C-alpha atoms as a PDB file:
ATOM      1  CA  MET A   1     135.974 -12.542 260.931  1.00  0.00           C
ATOM      2  CA  VAL A   2     137.135 -15.250 263.253  1.00  0.00           C
ATOM      3  CA  ASP A   3     135.231 -15.323 266.652  1.00  0.00           C
ATOM      4  CA  ILE A   4     137.726 -14.376 269.354  1.00  0.00           C
ATOM      5  CA  THR A   5     135.181 -13.675 272.064  1.00  0.00           C
ATOM      6  CA  LYS A   6     136.241 -16.605 274.192  1.00  0.00           C
ATOM      7  CA  LYS A   7     139.940 -16.027 273.858  1.00  0.00           C
ATOM      8  CA  GLN A   8     141.918 -14.548 276.774  1.00  0.00           C
ATOM      9  CA  ASN A   9     143.925 -11.366 276.539  1.00  0.00           C
ATOM     10  CA  THR A  10     147.621 -12.043 276.583  1.00  0.00           C
ATOM     11  CA  HIS A  11     150.625  -9.912 275.885  1.00  0.00           C
ATOM     12  CA  ARG A  12     151.358  -9.973 272.125  1.00  0.00           C
ATOM     13  CA  MET A  13     154.328  -8.687 270.151  1.00  0.00           C
ATOM     14  CA  ALA A  14     155.379  -8.906 266.598  1.00  0.00           C
ATOM     15  CA  MET A  15     158.364  -7.734 264.581  1.00  0.00           C
ATOM     16  CA  ALA A  16     158.300  -7.525 260.839  1.00  0.00           C
ATOM     17  CA  GLN A  17     160.972  -6.458 258.232  1.00  0.00           C
ATOM     18  CA  ALA A  18     160.974  -4.819 254.910  1.00  0.00           C
ATOM     19  CA  ILE A  19     164.041  -4.478 252.775  1.00  0.00           C
ATOM     20  CA  VAL A  20     164.434  -1.580 250.388  1.00  0.00           C
ATOM     21  CA  LYS A  21     167.356  -1.439 247.886  1.00  0.00           C
ATOM     22  CA  VAL A  22     168.435   1.729 246.285  1.00  0.00           C
ATOM     23  CA  GLY A  23     170.347   2.040 243.132  1.00  0.00           C
ATOM     24  CA  SER A  24     173.342   4.300 244.105  1.00  0.00           C
ATOM     25  CA  THR A  25     175.316   5.598 246.962  1.00  0.00           C
ATOM     26  CA  GLU A  26     174.156   9.133 246.007  1.00  0.00           C
ATOM     27  CA  THR A  27     170.612   8.106 247.176  1.00  0.00           C
ATOM     28  CA  ILE A  28     171.899   6.909 250.492  1.00  0.00           C
ATOM     29  CA  ARG A  29     173.875  10.055 250.931  1.00  0.00           C
ATOM     30  CA  ALA A  30     170.772  12.120 250.106  1.00  0.00           C
ATOM     31  CA  ILE A  31     168.884  10.196 252.699  1.00  0.00           C
ATOM     32  CA  LYS A  32     171.452  10.629 255.342  1.00  0.00           C
ATOM     33  CA  ASN A  33     171.985  14.397 254.554  1.00  0.00           C
ATOM     34  CA  LYS A  34     168.221  14.849 254.412  1.00  0.00           C
ATOM     35  CA  THR A  35     168.505  16.429 250.855  1.00  0.00           C
ATOM     36  CA  VAL A  36     165.879  14.284 249.093  1.00  0.00           C
ATOM     37  CA  PRO A  37     163.476  16.832 247.373  1.00  0.00           C
ATOM     38  CA  LYS A  38     160.437  15.364 248.916  1.00  0.00           C
ATOM     39  CA  GLY A  39     161.773  15.704 252.467  1.00  0.00           C
ATOM     40  CA  ASP A  40     163.241  13.632 255.323  1.00  0.00           C
ATOM     41  CA  VAL A  41     162.803  10.026 254.009  1.00  0.00           C
ATOM     42  CA  PHE A  42     163.222   8.295 257.355  1.00  0.00           C
ATOM     43  CA  ALA A  43     160.956  10.619 259.423  1.00  0.00           C
ATOM     44  CA  MET A  44     158.175  10.715 256.874  1.00  0.00           C
ATOM     45  CA  SER A  45     158.273   7.058 256.257  1.00  0.00           C
ATOM     46  CA  LYS A  46     158.105   6.445 260.052  1.00  0.00           C
ATOM     47  CA  ALA A  47     154.958   8.503 260.196  1.00  0.00           C
ATOM     48  CA  ALA A  48     153.427   6.714 257.190  1.00  0.00           C
ATOM     49  CA  GLY A  49     154.271   3.376 258.887  1.00  0.00           C
ATOM     50  CA  PHE A  50     152.528   4.266 262.078  1.00  0.00           C
ATOM     51  CA  LEU A  51     149.413   5.439 260.115  1.00  0.00           C
ATOM     52  CA  GLY A  52     149.538   2.086 258.146  1.00  0.00           C
ATOM     53  CA  LEU A  53     149.783  -0.197 261.089  1.00  0.00           C
ATOM     54  CA  LYS A  54     146.999   1.602 262.886  1.00  0.00           C
ATOM     55  CA  LYS A  55     144.792   1.452 259.888  1.00  0.00           C
ATOM     56  CA  THR A  56     145.303  -2.247 259.195  1.00  0.00           C
ATOM     57  CA  PRO A  57     141.776  -3.389 260.080  1.00  0.00           C
ATOM     58  CA  GLU A  58     140.257  -0.602 257.823  1.00  0.00           C
ATOM     59  CA  LEU A  59     142.134  -2.112 254.842  1.00  0.00           C
ATOM     60  CA  LEU A  60     142.208  -5.809 255.522  1.00  0.00           C
ATOM     61  CA  PRO A  61     138.716  -7.047 256.070  1.00  0.00           C
ATOM     62  CA  ASP A  62     139.489 -10.096 258.310  1.00  0.00           C
ATOM     63  CA  CYS A  63     141.771  -8.165 260.725  1.00  0.00           C
ATOM     64  CA  HIS A  64     140.152  -7.259 264.144  1.00  0.00           C
ATOM     65  CA  PRO A  65     140.407  -3.694 265.363  1.00  0.00           C
ATOM     66  CA  LEU A  66     142.723  -3.858 268.399  1.00  0.00           C
ATOM     67  CA  PRO A  67     144.480  -1.613 270.774  1.00  0.00           C
ATOM     68  CA  ILE A  68     148.115  -0.822 269.713  1.00  0.00           C
ATOM     69  CA  GLU A  69     149.978  -0.101 272.954  1.00  0.00           C
ATOM     70  CA  TYR A  70     153.430   0.272 271.332  1.00  0.00           C
ATOM     71  CA  ALA A  71     154.872   0.664 267.854  1.00  0.00           C
ATOM     72  CA  GLY A  72     158.492   1.207 266.917  1.00  0.00           C
ATOM     73  CA  ILE A  73     160.167   1.751 263.511  1.00  0.00           C
ATOM     74  CA  ASP A  74     163.905   1.364 263.149  1.00  0.00           C
ATOM     75  CA  TYR A  75     166.228   1.598 260.078  1.00  0.00           C
ATOM     76  CA  GLU A  76     169.574   0.116 259.258  1.00  0.00           C
ATOM     77  CA  ILE A  77     171.606   1.096 256.214  1.00  0.00           C
ATOM     78  CA  ASN A  78     173.922  -1.721 254.909  1.00  0.00           C
ATOM     79  CA  GLY A  79     175.474  -0.569 251.576  1.00  0.00           C
ATOM     80  CA  LEU A  80     172.635   0.063 249.147  1.00  0.00           C
ATOM     81  CA  THR A  81     170.229  -1.732 251.344  1.00  0.00           C
ATOM     82  CA  ILE A  82     167.835  -0.213 253.940  1.00  0.00           C
ATOM     83  CA  ILE A  83     166.418  -2.750 256.460  1.00  0.00           C
ATOM     84  CA  VAL A  84     163.175  -1.461 258.124  1.00  0.00           C
ATOM     85  CA  LYS A  85     162.041  -3.148 261.296  1.00  0.00           C
ATOM     86  CA  VAL A  86     158.555  -2.554 262.791  1.00  0.00           C
ATOM     87  CA  SER A  87     157.672  -3.749 266.238  1.00  0.00           C
ATOM     88  CA  VAL A  88     154.151  -3.741 267.587  1.00  0.00           C
ATOM     89  CA  LYS A  89     152.922  -4.737 270.957  1.00  0.00           C
ATOM     90  CA  THR A  90     149.435  -5.049 272.601  1.00  0.00           C
ATOM     91  CA  PHE A  91     147.576  -6.903 275.374  1.00  0.00           C
ATOM     92  CA  TYR A  92     144.736  -8.433 273.467  1.00  0.00           C
ATOM     93  CA  LYS A  93     142.995 -11.553 272.319  1.00  0.00           C
ATOM     94  CA  THR A  94     144.642 -11.681 268.888  1.00  0.00           C
ATOM     95  CA  GLY A  95     148.103 -11.064 267.502  1.00  0.00           C
ATOM     96  CA  VAL A  96     149.711  -8.106 265.832  1.00  0.00           C
ATOM     97  CA  GLU A  97     151.791  -9.699 263.090  1.00  0.00           C
ATOM     98  CA  VAL A  98     149.644  -8.422 260.289  1.00  0.00           C
ATOM     99  CA  GLU A  99     149.871  -4.884 261.719  1.00  0.00           C
ATOM    100  CA  ALA A 100     153.637  -5.096 261.832  1.00  0.00           C
ATOM    101  CA  MET A 101     153.964  -6.472 258.321  1.00  0.00           C
ATOM    102  CA  HIS A 102     151.568  -3.842 257.082  1.00  0.00           C
ATOM    103  CA  GLY A 103     153.384  -0.959 258.832  1.00  0.00           C
ATOM    104  CA  ALA A 104     156.562  -2.377 257.234  1.00  0.00           C
ATOM    105  CA  SER A 105     154.940  -2.459 253.772  1.00  0.00           C
ATOM    106  CA  VAL A 106     153.809   1.141 254.132  1.00  0.00           C
ATOM    107  CA  VAL A 107     157.172   2.275 255.221  1.00  0.00           C
ATOM    108  CA  ALA A 108     158.703   0.667 252.218  1.00  0.00           C
ATOM    109  CA  LEU A 109     156.173   2.175 249.877  1.00  0.00           C
ATOM    110  CA  ASN A 110     156.639   5.533 251.258  1.00  0.00           C
ATOM    111  CA  MET A 111     160.341   5.295 250.870  1.00  0.00           C
ATOM    112  CA  TYR A 112     159.884   4.245 247.249  1.00  0.00           C
ATOM    113  CA  ASP A 113     157.443   7.288 246.623  1.00  0.00           C
ATOM    114  CA  MET A 114     159.989   9.693 248.062  1.00  0.00           C
ATOM    115  CA  LEU A 115     163.002   8.346 246.439  1.00  0.00           C
ATOM    116  CA  LYS A 116     161.637   7.707 242.859  1.00  0.00           C
ATOM    117  CA  PRO A 117     162.381  11.208 241.616  1.00  0.00           C
ATOM    118  CA  ILE A 118     166.119  10.812 242.287  1.00  0.00           C
ATOM    119  CA  ASP A 119     166.642   6.991 241.799  1.00  0.00           C
ATOM    120  CA  LYS A 120     164.776   4.846 239.138  1.00  0.00           C
ATOM    121  CA  ALA A 121     166.437   1.567 240.495  1.00  0.00           C
ATOM    122  CA  ILE A 122     164.697   1.347 243.841  1.00  0.00           C
ATOM    123  CA  GLU A 123     163.252  -2.063 244.744  1.00  0.00           C
ATOM    124  CA  ILE A 124     161.121  -3.277 247.593  1.00  0.00           C
ATOM    125  CA  GLN A 125     162.762  -6.728 247.943  1.00  0.00           C
ATOM    126  CA  GLN A 126     161.187  -8.404 250.951  1.00  0.00           C
ATOM    127  CA  ILE A 127     158.488  -8.061 253.611  1.00  0.00           C
ATOM    128  CA  LYS A 128     158.398 -10.784 256.229  1.00  0.00           C
ATOM    129  CA  LEU A 129     157.557 -11.576 259.803  1.00  0.00           C
ATOM    130  CA  LEU A 130     160.637 -12.029 262.025  1.00  0.00           C
ATOM    131  CA  LYS A 131     159.147 -12.652 265.375  1.00  0.00           C
ATOM    132  CA  LYS A 132     155.816 -13.148 267.136  1.00  0.00           C
ATOM    133  CA  THR A 133     155.054 -13.891 270.672  1.00  0.00           C
ATOM    134  CA  GLY A 134     151.859 -14.464 272.737  1.00  0.00           C
ATOM    135  CA  GLY A 135     148.916 -16.556 271.994  1.00  0.00           C
ATOM    136  CA  LYS A 136     149.112 -20.233 271.068  1.00  0.00           C
ATOM    137  CA  SER A 137     152.328 -20.016 268.960  1.00  0.00           C
ATOM    138  CA  ASP A 138     155.643 -18.100 269.045  1.00  0.00           C
ATOM    139  CA  ILE A 139     157.676 -17.521 265.950  1.00  0.00           C
ATOM    140  CA  ASP A 140     161.204 -16.466 266.047  1.00  0.00           C
ATOM    141  CA  ASN A 141     162.945 -16.206 262.598  1.00  0.00           C
ATOM    142  CA  LEU A 142     165.830 -13.903 263.761  1.00  0.00           C
END
């Protein structure tokens, strides 16, 4: 683990994205109407994403445990594509970009798990960092 003991706390923010593509408009309709057999896809995936981002240091050995002071998960449907955006904020010595990307990954995997009984064409197409602020470097890919 990298030594961060001499670093100063600063406001840190990261936003990550996951893209999930489904195979049919019927799947999108089932998500919107909350008729997927395993339950409310967006609500369950949001809960899974929050658990995932909070457990990041338990699963990735080089990540520091850190206080997550805000997390948000939003969805946008565009045709057969669901865009998941995860934002994480803290005031700490190290960034939260891995937590945001991990949260987005878990959201996408949970969506896949919930939708696989009704749609065999689901794909997780992309997980990436969109933005990061605080610390030595800022990244804005939006």
